[in-house]
Amino acid sequence: MRYDLHVHTLISDGELLPAELAARAMVSGHSAVAITDHVDMTNIDLAIEQALRAAELVDDYIRVIPGVEITHVPPAKMDGLVERARRLGAEIIVVHGETLVEPVAAGTNAVAVRNPEVDILAHPGALSLADAEAAAANGVALEITGRKGHSLANGHVARLAASTGAEALINSDAHAPGDLMDAERAWAVALGAGMDETAARRALEAFPAELVRRL
């Protein structure tokens, strides 16, 4: 059973319509996917409206969870946008972390992991120990990613998750058809990040299933 709680569609910079992405995810063995298109202050209303509509249209064959990835938002404005996203109906809130390959504002990780309304800190790059501890305390999951470039820090993030007790999960950050990961590929990403089999199974199966059940 495969869960992917961070994927993109034509609503932002992905290549697929939501219905096609959902169909491809179903064929590759997914039980649920979260549409988490990129948002900032300018497009959050439209993106969540479209994600909610997509979830309603395809729920007869796969669970599609409406969400957002809050992206390149100044840290001082992050909490307000998280609150707005939840109020508009986002069930999964991802924050675009301080990846090693994009100029994300310093302090983004710190603000995200201290807000219990954030579900996932995506590809957090050179995450600090203090921020990993805050993620554990506030129930913010740390992402191990299949996305090229963003995955450079996977080993570091996995080690911090293990040492602090923060939850980790494996997402594709899919933008194109070939980015979706079946269970075998996701397993390889987890082991490649240095996770042992127990941690990998929790990150791939038990924890995302628990998160989805709580929605």
Protein backbone atom coordinates (compact mmCIF):
# COMPACT_ATOMS: atom_id res chain seq x y z
CA MET A 1 0.00 0.00 0.00
CA ARG A 2 1.61 3.24 -1.14
CA TYR A 3 0.93 6.78 0.04
CA ASP A 4 2.39 9.90 -1.56
CA LEU A 5 1.52 13.10 0.26
CA HIS A 6 3.40 15.59 -1.93
CA VAL A 7 2.60 15.76 -5.66
CA HIS A 8 2.03 18.56 -8.18
CA THR A 9 -0.35 19.06 -11.09
CA LEU A 10 -1.08 21.63 -13.78
CA ILE A 11 -2.61 23.75 -11.03
CA SER A 12 0.97 24.90 -10.41
CA ASP A 13 4.10 23.59 -12.15
CA GLY A 14 3.26 19.92 -12.66
CA GLU A 15 2.73 18.32 -16.06
CA LEU A 16 -0.50 16.39 -15.47
CA LEU A 17 -4.14 17.18 -14.93
CA PRO A 18 -5.28 16.05 -11.47
CA ALA A 19 -7.39 13.23 -12.92
CA GLU A 20 -4.49 11.80 -14.91
CA LEU A 21 -2.13 12.06 -11.99
CA ALA A 22 -4.65 10.21 -9.81
CA ALA A 23 -5.11 7.51 -12.46
CA ARG A 24 -1.36 7.00 -12.83
CA ALA A 25 -0.95 6.85 -9.06
CA MET A 26 -3.68 4.22 -8.81
CA VAL A 27 -2.07 2.07 -11.52
CA SER A 28 1.29 2.25 -9.73
CA GLY A 29 -0.22 0.93 -6.51
CA HIS A 30 -1.10 4.03 -4.52
CA SER A 31 -3.93 4.07 -2.00
CA ALA A 32 -3.85 7.85 -1.59
CA VAL A 33 -2.13 10.91 -3.00
CA ALA A 34 -2.19 14.49 -1.77
CA ILE A 35 -2.34 17.24 -4.37
CA THR A 36 -0.04 19.85 -2.87
CA ASP A 37 0.53 22.43 -5.54
CA HIS A 38 2.82 25.38 -4.92
CA VAL A 39 1.13 28.38 -3.31
CA ASP A 40 2.02 31.76 -1.95
CA MET A 41 -0.10 34.76 -1.02
CA THR A 42 -1.26 35.28 -4.63
CA ASN A 43 -2.76 31.92 -5.64
CA ILE A 44 -3.67 30.02 -2.49
CA ASP A 45 -7.44 30.48 -2.87
CA LEU A 46 -7.54 29.17 -6.43
CA ALA A 47 -5.16 26.28 -5.81
CA ILE A 48 -7.13 24.93 -2.86
CA GLU A 49 -10.43 25.36 -4.69
CA GLN A 50 -9.09 23.30 -7.61
CA ALA A 51 -7.58 20.65 -5.32
CA LEU A 52 -10.90 20.25 -3.50
CA ARG A 53 -12.70 19.87 -6.82
CA ALA A 54 -10.18 17.28 -8.01
CA ALA A 55 -10.56 15.26 -4.82
CA GLU A 56 -14.31 15.15 -5.27
CA LEU A 57 -14.15 14.12 -8.93
CA VAL A 58 -11.84 11.10 -8.63
CA ASP A 59 -12.64 9.69 -5.20
CA ASP A 60 -14.42 6.68 -6.69
CA TYR A 61 -11.12 4.92 -7.47
CA ILE A 62 -8.38 6.53 -5.34
CA ARG A 63 -8.33 8.84 -2.37
CA VAL A 64 -7.10 12.26 -3.40
CA ILE A 65 -6.35 14.59 -0.50
CA PRO A 66 -6.54 18.34 -1.13
CA GLY A 67 -3.52 20.22 0.12
CA VAL A 68 -0.87 22.83 -0.60
CA GLU A 69 2.86 23.29 -0.62
CA ILE A 70 3.57 26.76 0.77
CA THR A 71 6.55 27.85 -1.27
CA HIS A 72 9.11 30.66 -0.97
CA VAL A 73 6.91 32.59 1.44
CA PRO A 74 8.77 34.97 3.78
CA PRO A 75 9.03 33.32 7.20
CA ALA A 76 7.26 36.26 8.87
CA LYS A 77 4.18 35.59 6.73
CA MET A 78 4.24 31.79 6.98
CA ASP A 79 1.94 31.26 9.97
CA GLY A 80 -0.76 33.49 8.51
CA LEU A 81 -0.73 31.57 5.23
CA VAL A 82 -0.82 28.23 7.04
CA GLU A 83 -3.91 29.41 8.92
CA ARG A 84 -5.51 30.59 5.68
CA ALA A 85 -4.79 27.28 3.94
CA ARG A 86 -6.47 25.32 6.71
CA ARG A 87 -9.45 27.65 6.75
CA LEU A 88 -9.89 27.24 2.98
CA GLY A 89 -9.99 23.44 3.28
CA ALA A 90 -6.44 22.16 2.83
CA GLU A 91 -6.20 18.81 4.58
CA ILE A 92 -2.45 18.41 4.09
CA ILE A 93 -0.17 21.40 4.57
CA VAL A 94 3.36 21.02 3.26
CA VAL A 95 5.97 23.74 3.62
CA HIS A 96 8.73 23.98 1.02
CA GLY A 97 11.83 23.60 3.16
CA GLU A 98 15.32 25.01 2.82
CA THR A 99 16.46 22.62 0.11
CA LEU A 100 20.11 22.76 -0.90
CA VAL A 101 19.27 23.60 -4.52
CA GLU A 102 16.95 26.63 -4.26
CA PRO A 103 17.26 30.05 -2.58
CA VAL A 104 14.67 29.45 0.14
CA ALA A 105 14.63 32.15 2.81
CA ALA A 106 16.65 31.35 5.92
CA GLY A 107 14.33 30.68 8.83
CA THR A 108 11.70 28.86 6.76
CA ASN A 109 12.48 25.51 8.39
CA ALA A 110 12.41 27.03 11.88
CA VAL A 111 9.00 28.65 11.45
CA ALA A 112 7.45 25.58 9.79
CA VAL A 113 8.48 23.04 12.44
CA ARG A 114 7.17 25.24 15.25
CA ASN A 115 3.66 25.41 13.82
CA PRO A 116 1.60 22.32 14.74
CA GLU A 117 -0.76 23.05 11.83
CA VAL A 118 2.02 22.16 9.37
CA ASP A 119 1.91 18.48 8.47
CA ILE A 120 5.13 18.06 6.48
CA LEU A 121 8.37 19.98 6.07
CA ALA A 122 9.44 19.06 2.56
CA HIS A 123 13.10 18.51 1.59
CA PRO A 124 14.48 20.56 4.51
CA GLY A 125 18.11 20.48 3.37
CA ALA A 126 20.72 21.20 6.07
CA LEU A 127 18.15 20.96 8.85
CA SER A 128 19.45 21.89 12.30
CA LEU A 129 19.21 19.64 15.33
CA ALA A 130 17.09 22.24 17.14
CA ASP A 131 14.63 22.36 14.24
CA ALA A 132 14.44 18.56 14.09
CA GLU A 133 13.67 18.51 17.82
CA ALA A 134 10.96 21.13 17.28
CA ALA A 135 9.48 19.03 14.48
CA ALA A 136 9.28 16.05 16.84
CA ALA A 137 7.67 18.17 19.57
CA ASN A 138 5.06 19.71 17.24
CA GLY A 139 4.20 16.67 15.13
CA VAL A 140 5.67 18.02 11.90
CA ALA A 141 6.92 15.20 9.67
CA LEU A 142 10.27 15.46 7.90
CA GLU A 143 10.30 14.46 4.26
CA ILE A 144 12.70 12.02 2.63
CA THR A 145 12.27 12.89 -1.02
CA GLY A 146 12.60 11.17 -4.35
CA ARG A 147 13.05 14.53 -6.09
CA LYS A 148 16.36 15.07 -7.90
CA GLY A 149 18.47 17.74 -6.23
CA HIS A 150 16.26 18.01 -3.17
CA SER A 151 17.29 14.45 -2.27
CA LEU A 152 20.92 15.47 -1.68
CA ALA A 153 20.21 15.93 2.04
CA ASN A 154 18.12 12.78 2.54
CA GLY A 155 20.74 11.02 4.63
CA HIS A 156 21.16 14.01 6.93
CA VAL A 157 17.40 14.39 7.39
CA ALA A 158 16.92 10.67 8.06
CA ARG A 159 19.65 10.69 10.73
CA LEU A 160 18.11 13.69 12.49
CA ALA A 161 14.65 12.13 12.39
CA ALA A 162 16.02 8.95 13.94
CA SER A 163 17.96 10.77 16.67
CA THR A 164 15.15 13.14 17.69
CA GLY A 165 12.10 10.93 17.27
CA ALA A 166 10.63 13.12 14.54
CA GLU A 167 8.42 11.29 12.09
CA ALA A 168 9.77 10.82 8.58
CA LEU A 169 7.93 9.89 5.42
CA ILE A 170 8.84 9.18 1.81
CA ASN A 171 7.30 11.41 -0.86
CA SER A 172 7.99 11.77 -4.56
CA ASP A 173 7.44 15.53 -4.97
CA ALA A 174 6.19 14.41 -8.39
CA HIS A 175 5.92 16.99 -11.16
CA ALA A 176 5.95 14.64 -14.16
CA PRO A 177 4.61 11.12 -14.88
CA GLY A 178 7.97 9.48 -14.33
CA ASP A 179 8.38 11.05 -10.90
CA LEU A 180 5.74 8.93 -9.17
CA MET A 181 7.37 6.17 -7.14
CA ASP A 182 5.95 2.70 -6.79
CA ALA A 183 6.59 0.82 -3.55
CA GLU A 184 9.86 -0.71 -4.76
CA ARG A 185 11.36 2.61 -5.78
CA ALA A 186 10.19 4.33 -2.60
CA TRP A 187 11.78 1.53 -0.57
CA ALA A 188 15.05 2.11 -2.39
CA VAL A 189 14.90 5.84 -1.57
CA ALA A 190 14.38 5.05 2.11
CA LEU A 191 17.27 2.59 2.28
CA GLY A 192 19.44 4.95 0.24
CA ALA A 193 18.88 7.60 2.90
CA GLY A 194 20.38 5.21 5.46
CA MET A 195 17.17 4.10 7.11
CA ASP A 196 17.07 0.64 8.64
CA GLU A 197 14.18 -1.62 7.66
CA THR A 198 12.07 -0.75 10.72
CA ALA A 199 12.37 2.99 10.13
CA ALA A 200 11.79 2.57 6.41
CA ARG A 201 8.59 0.60 6.92
CA ARG A 202 7.25 3.19 9.34
CA ALA A 203 8.09 6.04 6.97
CA LEU A 204 6.59 4.25 3.96
CA GLU A 205 3.55 2.56 5.44
CA ALA A 206 2.58 2.97 9.09
CA PHE A 207 3.06 6.69 9.60
CA PRO A 208 1.48 7.95 6.35
CA ALA A 209 -1.45 5.59 6.92
CA GLU A 210 -1.90 7.05 10.42
CA LEU A 211 -1.72 10.59 9.03
CA VAL A 212 -4.32 9.87 6.36
CA ARG A 213 -6.66 8.22 8.88
CA ARG A 214 -6.52 11.34 11.07
CA LEU A 215 -7.78 13.60 8.28
